[in-house]
PDB file of N, CA and C in Angstrom:
ATOM      1  N   MET A   1     -92.786  24.921 -31.449  1.00  0.00           N
ATOM      2  CA  MET A   1     -93.128  23.884 -30.499  1.00  0.00           C
ATOM      3  C   MET A   1     -94.267  23.048 -31.080  1.00  0.00           C
ATOM      4  N   THR A   2     -94.138  21.738 -30.959  1.00  0.00           N
ATOM      5  CA  THR A   2     -95.147  20.861 -31.529  1.00  0.00           C
ATOM      6  C   THR A   2     -96.457  20.954 -30.754  1.00  0.00           C
ATOM      7  N   THR A   3     -97.536  20.562 -31.400  1.00  0.00           N
ATOM      8  CA  THR A   3     -98.858  20.666 -30.795  1.00  0.00           C
ATOM      9  C   THR A   3     -98.961  19.875 -29.504  1.00  0.00           C
ATOM     10  N   TRP A   4     -98.438  18.627 -29.486  1.00  0.00           N
ATOM     11  CA  TRP A   4     -98.581  17.815 -28.278  1.00  0.00           C
ATOM     12  C   TRP A   4     -97.782  18.391 -27.116  1.00  0.00           C
ATOM     13  N   ARG A   5     -96.626  19.017 -27.401  1.00  0.00           N
ATOM     14  CA  ARG A   5     -95.866  19.650 -26.319  1.00  0.00           C
ATOM     15  C   ARG A   5     -96.604  20.861 -25.777  1.00  0.00           C
ATOM     16  N   ARG A   6     -97.203  21.639 -26.655  1.00  0.00           N
ATOM     17  CA  ARG A   6     -97.969  22.805 -26.233  1.00  0.00           C
ATOM     18  C   ARG A   6     -99.133  22.356 -25.355  1.00  0.00           C
ATOM     19  N   ARG A   7     -99.769  21.256 -25.770  1.00  0.00           N
ATOM     20  CA  ARG A   7    -100.897  20.722 -25.009  1.00  0.00           C
ATOM     21  C   ARG A   7    -100.437  20.260 -23.623  1.00  0.00           C
ATOM     22  N   LEU A   8     -99.304  19.559 -23.565  1.00  0.00           N
ATOM     23  CA  LEU A   8     -98.789  19.092 -22.278  1.00  0.00           C
ATOM     24  C   LEU A   8     -98.415  20.263 -21.382  1.00  0.00           C
ATOM     25  N   ARG A   9     -97.769  21.264 -21.949  1.00  0.00           N
ATOM     26  CA  ARG A   9     -97.367  22.419 -21.157  1.00  0.00           C
ATOM     27  C   ARG A   9     -98.588  23.133 -20.575  1.00  0.00           C
ATOM     28  N   SER A  10     -99.657  23.229 -21.347  1.00  0.00           N
ATOM     29  CA  SER A  10    -100.842  23.938 -20.867  1.00  0.00           C
ATOM     30  C   SER A  10    -101.555  23.184 -19.755  1.00  0.00           C
ATOM     31  N   ARG A  11    -101.370  21.869 -19.681  1.00  0.00           N
ATOM     32  CA  ARG A  11    -102.011  21.080 -18.630  1.00  0.00           C
ATOM     33  C   ARG A  11    -101.255  21.141 -17.313  1.00  0.00           C
ATOM     34  N   GLY A  12    -100.061  21.594 -17.350  1.00  0.00           N
ATOM     35  CA  GLY A  12     -99.286  21.701 -16.129  1.00  0.00           C
ATOM     36  C   GLY A  12     -98.310  20.550 -15.970  1.00  0.00           C
ATOM     37  N   GLU A  13     -97.383  20.778 -15.088  1.00  0.00           N
ATOM     38  CA  GLU A  13     -96.301  19.817 -14.873  1.00  0.00           C
ATOM     39  C   GLU A  13     -96.804  18.476 -14.360  1.00  0.00           C
ATOM     40  N   PHE A  14     -97.764  18.487 -13.442  1.00  0.00           N
ATOM     41  CA  PHE A  14     -98.273  17.232 -12.877  1.00  0.00           C
ATOM     42  C   PHE A  14     -98.924  16.368 -13.955  1.00  0.00           C
ATOM     43  N   ASP A  15     -99.794  16.962 -14.732  1.00  0.00           N
ATOM     44  CA  ASP A  15    -100.467  16.196 -15.786  1.00  0.00           C
ATOM     45  C   ASP A  15     -99.477  15.705 -16.842  1.00  0.00           C
ATOM     46  N   SER A  16     -98.489  16.522 -17.166  1.00  0.00           N
ATOM     47  CA  SER A  16     -97.486  16.124 -18.143  1.00  0.00           C
ATOM     48  C   SER A  16     -96.730  14.889 -17.653  1.00  0.00           C
ATOM     49  N   THR A  17     -96.354  14.902 -16.387  1.00  0.00           N
ATOM     50  CA  THR A  17     -95.639  13.763 -15.807  1.00  0.00           C
ATOM     51  C   THR A  17     -96.525  12.526 -15.782  1.00  0.00           C
ATOM     52  N   ARG A  18     -97.795  12.702 -15.442  1.00  0.00           N
ATOM     53  CA  ARG A  18     -98.737  11.576 -15.408  1.00  0.00           C
ATOM     54  C   ARG A  18     -98.896  10.964 -16.796  1.00  0.00           C
ATOM     55  N   ILE A  19     -99.017  11.790 -17.806  1.00  0.00           N
ATOM     56  CA  ILE A  19     -99.194  11.310 -19.183  1.00  0.00           C
ATOM     57  C   ILE A  19     -97.949  10.549 -19.640  1.00  0.00           C
ATOM     58  N   THR A  20     -96.777  11.123 -19.402  1.00  0.00           N
ATOM     59  CA  THR A  20     -95.531  10.465 -19.803  1.00  0.00           C
ATOM     60  C   THR A  20     -95.365   9.137 -19.075  1.00  0.00           C
ATOM     61  N   GLY A  21     -95.622   9.121 -17.773  1.00  0.00           N
ATOM     62  CA  GLY A  21     -95.512   7.888 -16.998  1.00  0.00           C
ATOM     63  C   GLY A  21     -96.490   6.825 -17.468  1.00  0.00           C
ATOM     64  N   SER A  22     -97.699   7.239 -17.801  1.00  0.00           N
ATOM     65  CA  SER A  22     -98.702   6.288 -18.304  1.00  0.00           C
ATOM     66  C   SER A  22     -98.258   5.675 -19.627  1.00  0.00           C
ATOM     67  N   ARG A  23     -97.694   6.479 -20.493  1.00  0.00           N
ATOM     68  CA  ARG A  23     -97.205   5.957 -21.781  1.00  0.00           C
ATOM     69  C   ARG A  23     -96.087   4.944 -21.566  1.00  0.00           C
ATOM     70  N   GLN A  24     -95.185   5.246 -20.636  1.00  0.00           N
ATOM     71  CA  GLN A  24     -94.091   4.317 -20.354  1.00  0.00           C
ATOM     72  C   GLN A  24     -94.636   3.010 -19.762  1.00  0.00           C
ATOM     73  N   TYR A  25     -95.597   3.133 -18.845  1.00  0.00           N
ATOM     74  CA  TYR A  25     -96.183   1.936 -18.244  1.00  0.00           C
ATOM     75  C   TYR A  25     -96.875   1.075 -19.301  1.00  0.00           C
ATOM     76  N   GLU A  26     -97.661   1.705 -20.152  1.00  0.00           N
ATOM     77  CA  GLU A  26     -98.383   0.955 -21.182  1.00  0.00           C
ATOM     78  C   GLU A  26     -97.419   0.221 -22.116  1.00  0.00           C
ATOM     79  N   ALA A  27     -96.317   0.867 -22.486  1.00  0.00           N
ATOM     80  CA  ALA A  27     -95.329   0.223 -23.350  1.00  0.00           C
ATOM     81  C   ALA A  27     -94.678  -0.962 -22.634  1.00  0.00           C
ATOM     82  N   ALA A  28     -94.347  -0.801 -21.345  1.00  0.00           N
ATOM     83  CA  ALA A  28     -93.722  -1.883 -20.585  1.00  0.00           C
ATOM     84  C   ALA A  28     -94.704  -3.035 -20.372  1.00  0.00           C
ATOM     85  N   ALA A  29     -95.977  -2.721 -20.063  1.00  0.00           N
ATOM     86  CA  ALA A  29     -96.986  -3.764 -19.846  1.00  0.00           C
ATOM     87  C   ALA A  29     -97.209  -4.568 -21.127  1.00  0.00           C
ATOM     88  N   LYS A  30     -97.193  -3.887 -22.269  1.00  0.00           N
ATOM     89  CA  LYS A  30     -97.362  -4.577 -23.544  1.00  0.00           C
ATOM     90  C   LYS A  30     -96.216  -5.566 -23.771  1.00  0.00           C
ATOM     91  N   LEU A  31     -94.990  -5.140 -23.464  1.00  0.00           N
ATOM     92  CA  LEU A  31     -93.836  -6.025 -23.619  1.00  0.00           C
ATOM     93  C   LEU A  31     -93.919  -7.223 -22.671  1.00  0.00           C
ATOM     94  N   MET A  32     -94.427  -7.008 -21.471  1.00  0.00           N
ATOM     95  CA  MET A  32     -94.542  -8.098 -20.490  1.00  0.00           C
ATOM     96  C   MET A  32     -95.556  -9.143 -20.926  1.00  0.00           C
ATOM     97  N   ASN A  33     -96.582  -8.746 -21.651  1.00  0.00           N
ATOM     98  CA  ASN A  33     -97.645  -9.656 -22.063  1.00  0.00           C
ATOM     99  C   ASN A  33     -97.354 -10.388 -23.365  1.00  0.00           C
ATOM    100  N   GLU A  34     -96.293  -9.988 -24.051  1.00  0.00           N
ATOM    101  CA  GLU A  34     -95.927 -10.652 -25.295  1.00  0.00           C
ATOM    102  C   GLU A  34     -94.933 -11.767 -25.004  1.00  0.00           C
ATOM    103  N   PRO A  35     -94.967 -12.833 -25.811  1.00  0.00           N
ATOM    104  CA  PRO A  35     -93.979 -13.886 -25.592  1.00  0.00           C
ATOM    105  C   PRO A  35     -92.579 -13.354 -25.867  1.00  0.00           C
ATOM    106  N   GLY A  36     -91.662 -13.736 -25.020  1.00  0.00           N
ATOM    107  CA  GLY A  36     -90.284 -13.270 -25.179  1.00  0.00           C
ATOM    108  C   GLY A  36     -89.341 -14.434 -25.391  1.00  0.00           C
ATOM    109  N   VAL A  37     -88.095 -14.107 -25.519  1.00  0.00           N
ATOM    110  CA  VAL A  37     -87.053 -15.120 -25.688  1.00  0.00           C
ATOM    111  C   VAL A  37     -86.246 -15.164 -24.389  1.00  0.00           C
ATOM    112  N   PRO A  38     -86.196 -16.328 -23.738  1.00  0.00           N
ATOM    113  CA  PRO A  38     -85.427 -16.404 -22.489  1.00  0.00           C
ATOM    114  C   PRO A  38     -83.938 -16.152 -22.735  1.00  0.00           C
ATOM    115  N   VAL A  39     -83.325 -15.497 -21.794  1.00  0.00           N
ATOM    116  CA  VAL A  39     -81.888 -15.245 -21.885  1.00  0.00           C
ATOM    117  C   VAL A  39     -81.172 -16.462 -21.328  1.00  0.00           C
ATOM    118  N   ARG A  40     -80.289 -17.008 -22.109  1.00  0.00           N
ATOM    119  CA  ARG A  40     -79.526 -18.187 -21.677  1.00  0.00           C
ATOM    120  C   ARG A  40     -78.040 -17.840 -21.688  1.00  0.00           C
ATOM    121  N   GLY A  41     -77.309 -18.481 -20.826  1.00  0.00           N
ATOM    122  CA  GLY A  41     -75.873 -18.229 -20.796  1.00  0.00           C
ATOM    123  C   GLY A  41     -75.541 -16.964 -20.036  1.00  0.00           C
ATOM    124  N   ARG A  42     -74.370 -16.460 -20.285  1.00  0.00           N
ATOM    125  CA  ARG A  42     -73.888 -15.286 -19.569  1.00  0.00           C
ATOM    126  C   ARG A  42     -74.366 -13.991 -20.227  1.00  0.00           C
ATOM    127  N   VAL A  43     -74.546 -12.987 -19.433  1.00  0.00           N
ATOM    128  CA  VAL A  43     -74.854 -11.656 -19.937  1.00  0.00           C
ATOM    129  C   VAL A  43     -73.563 -10.853 -19.864  1.00  0.00           C
ATOM    130  N   ASP A  44     -73.129 -10.346 -20.994  1.00  0.00           N
ATOM    131  CA  ASP A  44     -71.870  -9.617 -21.068  1.00  0.00           C
ATOM    132  C   ASP A  44     -72.155  -8.114 -21.016  1.00  0.00           C
ATOM    133  N   HIS A  45     -71.167  -7.362 -20.629  1.00  0.00           N
ATOM    134  CA  HIS A  45     -71.315  -5.911 -20.617  1.00  0.00           C
ATOM    135  C   HIS A  45     -69.964  -5.261 -20.894  1.00  0.00           C
ATOM    136  N   ARG A  46     -70.004  -4.005 -21.236  1.00  0.00           N
ATOM    137  CA  ARG A  46     -68.791  -3.226 -21.469  1.00  0.00           C
ATOM    138  C   ARG A  46     -68.954  -1.893 -20.755  1.00  0.00           C
ATOM    139  N   ARG A  47     -67.863  -1.417 -20.223  1.00  0.00           N
ATOM    140  CA  ARG A  47     -67.871  -0.102 -19.599  1.00  0.00           C
ATOM    141  C   ARG A  47     -66.689   0.663 -20.163  1.00  0.00           C
ATOM    142  N   THR A  48     -66.948   1.873 -20.579  1.00  0.00           N
ATOM    143  CA  THR A  48     -65.898   2.689 -21.177  1.00  0.00           C
ATOM    144  C   THR A  48     -65.879   4.051 -20.500  1.00  0.00           C
ATOM    145  N   TYR A  49     -64.714   4.509 -20.167  1.00  0.00           N
ATOM    146  CA  TYR A  49     -64.559   5.852 -19.609  1.00  0.00           C
ATOM    147  C   TYR A  49     -64.189   6.797 -20.747  1.00  0.00           C
ATOM    148  N   VAL A  50     -64.918   7.859 -20.869  1.00  0.00           N
ATOM    149  CA  VAL A  50     -64.623   8.864 -21.879  1.00  0.00           C
ATOM    150  C   VAL A  50     -64.413  10.193 -21.159  1.00  0.00           C
ATOM    151  N   ASP A  51     -63.229  10.743 -21.275  1.00  0.00           N
ATOM    152  CA  ASP A  51     -62.927  12.027 -20.648  1.00  0.00           C
ATOM    153  C   ASP A  51     -63.481  13.143 -21.528  1.00  0.00           C
ATOM    154  N   LEU A  52     -64.563  13.740 -21.093  1.00  0.00           N
ATOM    155  CA  LEU A  52     -65.190  14.802 -21.877  1.00  0.00           C
ATOM    156  C   LEU A  52     -64.717  16.191 -21.464  1.00  0.00           C
ATOM    157  N   SER A  53     -63.682  16.257 -20.619  1.00  0.00           N
ATOM    158  CA  SER A  53     -63.223  17.567 -20.155  1.00  0.00           C
ATOM    159  C   SER A  53     -62.362  18.301 -21.183  1.00  0.00           C
ATOM    160  N   ALA A  54     -61.953  17.623 -22.247  1.00  0.00           N
ATOM    161  CA  ALA A  54     -61.141  18.287 -23.277  1.00  0.00           C
ATOM    162  C   ALA A  54     -61.436  17.696 -24.652  1.00  0.00           C
ATOM    163  N   ALA A  55     -62.695  17.500 -24.943  1.00  0.00           N
ATOM    164  CA  ALA A  55     -63.082  16.914 -26.226  1.00  0.00           C
ATOM    165  C   ALA A  55     -63.207  18.001 -27.288  1.00  0.00           C
ATOM    166  N   ASP A  56     -62.788  17.678 -28.492  1.00  0.00           N
ATOM    167  CA  ASP A  56     -62.944  18.616 -29.613  1.00  0.00           C
ATOM    168  C   ASP A  56     -64.411  18.685 -30.016  1.00  0.00           C
ATOM    169  N   VAL A  57     -64.855  19.901 -30.294  1.00  0.00           N
ATOM    170  CA  VAL A  57     -66.208  20.113 -30.808  1.00  0.00           C
ATOM    171  C   VAL A  57     -66.055  20.702 -32.199  1.00  0.00           C
ATOM    172  N   SER A  58     -66.494  19.952 -33.197  1.00  0.00           N
ATOM    173  CA  SER A  58     -66.356  20.380 -34.591  1.00  0.00           C
ATOM    174  C   SER A  58     -67.066  21.704 -34.852  1.00  0.00           C
ATOM    175  N   ALA A  59     -66.524  22.448 -35.786  1.00  0.00           N
ATOM    176  CA  ALA A  59     -67.101  23.741 -36.154  1.00  0.00           C
ATOM    177  C   ALA A  59     -68.546  23.608 -36.629  1.00  0.00           C
ATOM    178  N   GLU A  60     -68.878  22.464 -37.223  1.00  0.00           N
ATOM    179  CA  GLU A  60     -70.247  22.281 -37.731  1.00  0.00           C
ATOM    180  C   GLU A  60     -71.287  22.264 -36.613  1.00  0.00           C
ATOM    181  N   PHE A  61     -70.849  22.016 -35.369  1.00  0.00           N
ATOM    182  CA  PHE A  61     -71.788  21.980 -34.251  1.00  0.00           C
ATOM    183  C   PHE A  61     -71.762  23.242 -33.411  1.00  0.00           C
ATOM    184  N   ALA A  62     -70.991  24.230 -33.805  1.00  0.00           N
ATOM    185  CA  ALA A  62     -70.865  25.477 -33.050  1.00  0.00           C
ATOM    186  C   ALA A  62     -71.655  26.587 -33.724  1.00  0.00           C
ATOM    187  N   ALA A  63     -72.236  27.438 -32.911  1.00  0.00           N
ATOM    188  CA  ALA A  63     -73.042  28.543 -33.440  1.00  0.00           C
ATOM    189  C   ALA A  63     -72.206  29.508 -34.269  1.00  0.00           C
ATOM    190  N   ASP A  64     -70.926  29.672 -33.896  1.00  0.00           N
ATOM    191  CA  ASP A  64     -70.075  30.608 -34.631  1.00  0.00           C
ATOM    192  C   ASP A  64     -69.236  29.930 -35.712  1.00  0.00           C
ATOM    193  N   SER A  65     -69.492  28.652 -35.992  1.00  0.00           N
ATOM    194  CA  SER A  65     -68.794  27.886 -37.027  1.00  0.00           C
ATOM    195  C   SER A  65     -67.287  27.832 -36.823  1.00  0.00           C
ATOM    196  N   ARG A  66     -66.860  27.859 -35.570  1.00  0.00           N
ATOM    197  CA  ARG A  66     -65.447  27.729 -35.239  1.00  0.00           C
ATOM    198  C   ARG A  66     -65.251  26.494 -34.376  1.00  0.00           C
ATOM    199  N   MET A  67     -64.055  25.936 -34.398  1.00  0.00           N
ATOM    200  CA  MET A  67     -63.703  24.788 -33.564  1.00  0.00           C
ATOM    201  C   MET A  67     -63.699  25.205 -32.092  1.00  0.00           C
ATOM    202  N   HIS A  68     -64.231  24.334 -31.221  1.00  0.00           N
ATOM    203  CA  HIS A  68     -64.240  24.603 -29.780  1.00  0.00           C
ATOM    204  C   HIS A  68     -63.845  23.337 -29.035  1.00  0.00           C
ATOM    205  N   TRP A  69     -63.675  23.460 -27.719  1.00  0.00           N
ATOM    206  CA  TRP A  69     -63.327  22.333 -26.869  1.00  0.00           C
ATOM    207  C   TRP A  69     -64.181  22.378 -25.621  1.00  0.00           C
ATOM    208  N   THR A  70     -64.469  21.225 -25.070  1.00  0.00           N
ATOM    209  CA  THR A  70     -65.218  21.171 -23.820  1.00  0.00           C
ATOM    210  C   THR A  70     -64.270  21.480 -22.663  1.00  0.00           C
ATOM    211  N   ARG A  71     -64.854  21.730 -21.478  1.00  0.00           N
ATOM    212  CA  ARG A  71     -64.062  22.028 -20.284  1.00  0.00           C
ATOM    213  C   ARG A  71     -64.432  21.056 -19.180  1.00  0.00           C
ATOM    214  N   GLY A  72     -63.763  21.166 -18.092  1.00  0.00           N
ATOM    215  CA  GLY A  72     -64.028  20.309 -16.940  1.00  0.00           C
ATOM    216  C   GLY A  72     -65.396  20.602 -16.331  1.00  0.00           C
ATOM    217  N   PRO A  73     -65.845  19.738 -15.430  1.00  0.00           N
ATOM    218  CA  PRO A  73     -67.169  19.907 -14.826  1.00  0.00           C
ATOM    219  C   PRO A  73     -67.227  21.115 -13.898  1.00  0.00           C
ATOM    220  N   ILE A  74     -68.392  21.696 -13.811  1.00  0.00           N
ATOM    221  CA  ILE A  74     -68.636  22.793 -12.879  1.00  0.00           C
ATOM    222  C   ILE A  74     -69.928  22.500 -12.138  1.00  0.00           C
ATOM    223  N   VAL A  75     -70.128  23.173 -11.051  1.00  0.00           N
ATOM    224  CA  VAL A  75     -71.362  23.029 -10.302  1.00  0.00           C
ATOM    225  C   VAL A  75     -71.864  24.427  -9.968  1.00  0.00           C
ATOM    226  N   GLY A  76     -73.139  24.608 -10.059  1.00  0.00           N
ATOM    227  CA  GLY A  76     -73.742  25.889  -9.724  1.00  0.00           C
ATOM    228  C   GLY A  76     -74.597  25.756  -8.487  1.00  0.00           C
ATOM    229  N   ALA A  77     -75.076  26.867  -8.000  1.00  0.00           N
ATOM    230  CA  ALA A  77     -75.887  26.875  -6.785  1.00  0.00           C
ATOM    231  C   ALA A  77     -77.144  26.026  -6.938  1.00  0.00           C
ATOM    232  N   VAL A  78     -77.675  25.948  -8.132  1.00  0.00           N
ATOM    233  CA  VAL A  78     -78.883  25.155  -8.351  1.00  0.00           C
ATOM    234  C   VAL A  78     -78.635  23.691  -8.011  1.00  0.00           C
ATOM    235  N   ALA A  79     -77.497  23.160  -8.429  1.00  0.00           N
ATOM    236  CA  ALA A  79     -77.179  21.765  -8.130  1.00  0.00           C
ATOM    237  C   ALA A  79     -76.919  21.574  -6.643  1.00  0.00           C
ATOM    238  N   LEU A  80     -76.281  22.536  -6.007  1.00  0.00           N
ATOM    239  CA  LEU A  80     -75.980  22.429  -4.585  1.00  0.00           C
ATOM    240  C   LEU A  80     -77.225  22.487  -3.710  1.00  0.00           C
ATOM    241  N   ALA A  81     -78.265  23.165  -4.191  1.00  0.00           N
ATOM    242  CA  ALA A  81     -79.468  23.358  -3.388  1.00  0.00           C
ATOM    243  C   ALA A  81     -80.342  22.117  -3.310  1.00  0.00           C
ATOM    244  N   GLY A  82     -80.125  21.134  -4.148  1.00  0.00           N
ATOM    245  CA  GLY A  82     -80.945  19.926  -4.113  1.00  0.00           C
ATOM    246  C   GLY A  82     -82.202  20.071  -4.948  1.00  0.00           C
ATOM    247  N   THR A  83     -83.116  19.123  -4.756  1.00  0.00           N
ATOM    248  CA  THR A  83     -84.371  19.108  -5.510  1.00  0.00           C
ATOM    249  C   THR A  83     -85.527  18.869  -4.558  1.00  0.00           C
ATOM    250  N   ASP A  84     -86.733  18.824  -5.100  1.00  0.00           N
ATOM    251  CA  ASP A  84     -87.900  18.500  -4.287  1.00  0.00           C
ATOM    252  C   ASP A  84     -87.808  17.078  -3.746  1.00  0.00           C
ATOM    253  N   GLU A  85     -87.076  16.203  -4.451  1.00  0.00           N
ATOM    254  CA  GLU A  85     -86.971  14.806  -4.056  1.00  0.00           C
ATOM    255  C   GLU A  85     -85.859  14.551  -3.050  1.00  0.00           C
ATOM    256  N   GLY A  86     -84.903  15.451  -2.934  1.00  0.00           N
ATOM    257  CA  GLY A  86     -83.789  15.197  -2.028  1.00  0.00           C
ATOM    258  C   GLY A  86     -83.061  16.463  -1.627  1.00  0.00           C
ATOM    259  N   GLU A  87     -82.427  16.386  -0.470  1.00  0.00           N
ATOM    260  CA  GLU A  87     -81.717  17.546   0.054  1.00  0.00           C
ATOM    261  C   GLU A  87     -80.436  17.808  -0.716  1.00  0.00           C
ATOM    262  N   GLY A  88     -80.017  19.041  -0.690  1.00  0.00           N
ATOM    263  CA  GLY A  88     -78.747  19.415  -1.283  1.00  0.00           C
ATOM    264  C   GLY A  88     -77.680  19.455  -0.201  1.00  0.00           C
ATOM    265  N   PHE A  89     -76.636  20.241  -0.413  1.00  0.00           N
ATOM    266  CA  PHE A  89     -75.567  20.368   0.556  1.00  0.00           C
ATOM    267  C   PHE A  89     -76.000  21.276   1.703  1.00  0.00           C
ATOM    268  N   ALA A  90     -75.411  21.046   2.866  1.00  0.00           N
ATOM    269  CA  ALA A  90     -75.748  21.841   4.050  1.00  0.00           C
ATOM    270  C   ALA A  90     -75.541  23.327   3.770  1.00  0.00           C
ATOM    271  N   GLY A  91     -76.463  24.134   4.206  1.00  0.00           N
ATOM    272  CA  GLY A  91     -76.363  25.573   4.020  1.00  0.00           C
ATOM    273  C   GLY A  91     -76.993  26.085   2.742  1.00  0.00           C
ATOM    274  N   PHE A  92     -77.422  25.186   1.872  1.00  0.00           N
ATOM    275  CA  PHE A  92     -78.064  25.589   0.625  1.00  0.00           C
ATOM    276  C   PHE A  92     -79.512  25.133   0.638  1.00  0.00           C
ATOM    277  N   ARG A  93     -80.393  25.932   0.117  1.00  0.00           N
ATOM    278  CA  ARG A  93     -81.785  25.520  -0.011  1.00  0.00           C
ATOM    279  C   ARG A  93     -82.360  26.142  -1.277  1.00  0.00           C
ATOM    280  N   GLN A  94     -83.417  25.533  -1.766  1.00  0.00           N
ATOM    281  CA  GLN A  94     -84.054  26.047  -2.975  1.00  0.00           C
ATOM    282  C   GLN A  94     -84.739  27.370  -2.674  1.00  0.00           C
ATOM    283  N   GLN A  95     -84.600  28.303  -3.575  1.00  0.00           N
ATOM    284  CA  GLN A  95     -85.316  29.569  -3.477  1.00  0.00           C
ATOM    285  C   GLN A  95     -85.808  29.915  -4.858  1.00  0.00           C
ATOM    286  N   ARG A  96     -87.076  30.109  -4.982  1.00  0.00           N
ATOM    287  CA  ARG A  96     -87.662  30.361  -6.292  1.00  0.00           C
ATOM    288  C   ARG A  96     -87.493  31.809  -6.754  1.00  0.00           C
ATOM    289  N   THR A  97     -87.353  32.733  -5.819  1.00  0.00           N
ATOM    290  CA  THR A  97     -87.328  34.135  -6.215  1.00  0.00           C
ATOM    291  C   THR A  97     -85.927  34.698  -6.414  1.00  0.00           C
ATOM    292  N   ARG A  98     -84.997  34.381  -5.497  1.00  0.00           N
ATOM    293  CA  ARG A  98     -83.635  34.881  -5.656  1.00  0.00           C
ATOM    294  C   ARG A  98     -82.680  33.985  -4.883  1.00  0.00           C
ATOM    295  N   ALA A  99     -81.447  33.974  -5.306  1.00  0.00           N
ATOM    296  CA  ALA A  99     -80.436  33.146  -4.637  1.00  0.00           C
ATOM    297  C   ALA A  99     -79.973  33.819  -3.360  1.00  0.00           C
ATOM    298  N   GLY A 100     -79.726  33.023  -2.338  1.00  0.00           N
ATOM    299  CA  GLY A 100     -79.194  33.543  -1.080  1.00  0.00           C
ATOM    300  C   GLY A 100     -77.720  33.874  -1.243  1.00  0.00           C
ATOM    301  N   ALA A 101     -77.145  34.480  -0.207  1.00  0.00           N
ATOM    302  CA  ALA A 101     -75.749  34.919  -0.261  1.00  0.00           C
ATOM    303  C   ALA A 101     -74.803  33.745  -0.496  1.00  0.00           C
ATOM    304  N   ARG A 102     -75.020  32.615   0.169  1.00  0.00           N
ATOM    305  CA  ARG A 102     -74.140  31.455  -0.016  1.00  0.00           C
ATOM    306  C   ARG A 102     -74.220  30.924  -1.442  1.00  0.00           C
ATOM    307  N   CYS A 103     -75.427  30.888  -1.994  1.00  0.00           N
ATOM    308  CA  CYS A 103     -75.595  30.397  -3.370  1.00  0.00           C
ATOM    309  C   CYS A 103     -74.886  31.313  -4.356  1.00  0.00           C
ATOM    310  N   ARG A 104     -75.020  32.625  -4.162  1.00  0.00           N
ATOM    311  CA  ARG A 104     -74.351  33.555  -5.070  1.00  0.00           C
ATOM    312  C   ARG A 104     -72.841  33.412  -4.972  1.00  0.00           C
ATOM    313  N   THR A 105     -72.325  33.254  -3.755  1.00  0.00           N
ATOM    314  CA  THR A 105     -70.893  33.109  -3.554  1.00  0.00           C
ATOM    315  C   THR A 105     -70.378  31.840  -4.207  1.00  0.00           C
ATOM    316  N   ALA A 106     -71.090  30.730  -3.978  1.00  0.00           N
ATOM    317  CA  ALA A 106     -70.664  29.456  -4.554  1.00  0.00           C
ATOM    318  C   ALA A 106     -70.703  29.505  -6.079  1.00  0.00           C
ATOM    319  N   SER A 107     -71.745  30.078  -6.643  1.00  0.00           N
ATOM    320  CA  SER A 107     -71.855  30.153  -8.103  1.00  0.00           C
ATOM    321  C   SER A 107     -70.732  30.993  -8.684  1.00  0.00           C
ATOM    322  N   ALA A 108     -70.403  32.089  -8.030  1.00  0.00           N
ATOM    323  CA  ALA A 108     -69.352  32.975  -8.538  1.00  0.00           C
ATOM    324  C   ALA A 108     -68.002  32.282  -8.524  1.00  0.00           C
ATOM    325  N   ARG A 109     -67.746  31.441  -7.531  1.00  0.00           N
ATOM    326  CA  ARG A 109     -66.470  30.739  -7.437  1.00  0.00           C
ATOM    327  C   ARG A 109     -66.364  29.593  -8.417  1.00  0.00           C
ATOM    328  N   CYS A 110     -67.495  29.033  -8.828  1.00  0.00           N
ATOM    329  CA  CYS A 110     -67.487  27.856  -9.716  1.00  0.00           C
ATOM    330  C   CYS A 110     -67.294  28.223 -11.173  1.00  0.00           C
ATOM    331  N   VAL A 111     -67.543  29.445 -11.521  1.00  0.00           N
ATOM    332  CA  VAL A 111     -67.500  29.823 -12.947  1.00  0.00           C
ATOM    333  C   VAL A 111     -66.119  30.052 -13.427  1.00  0.00           C
TER     334      VAL A 111
END
């Protein structure tokens, strides 16, 4: 682990978030204060759908040096329980010490 990461980890999650946010703000403020080039004409975009549910994974990227494939999406109890910023699905709640019966049941069915 690099020195700056070790330093951030030792300061705690709040300080780490504050430091990262400050760096992002400073970079954005610097860009705002520099002369820019106005955008003229139309702004174009592209959107591409990539089905990652059956993608080949080369042997060079696998721990066992064998060819593998990705699978379809899954959801675990952690995702169902929500976050500090928002609620999860009804009947699920965050628990730091152990998963409740519904969370264990849902996780077992998703695997």
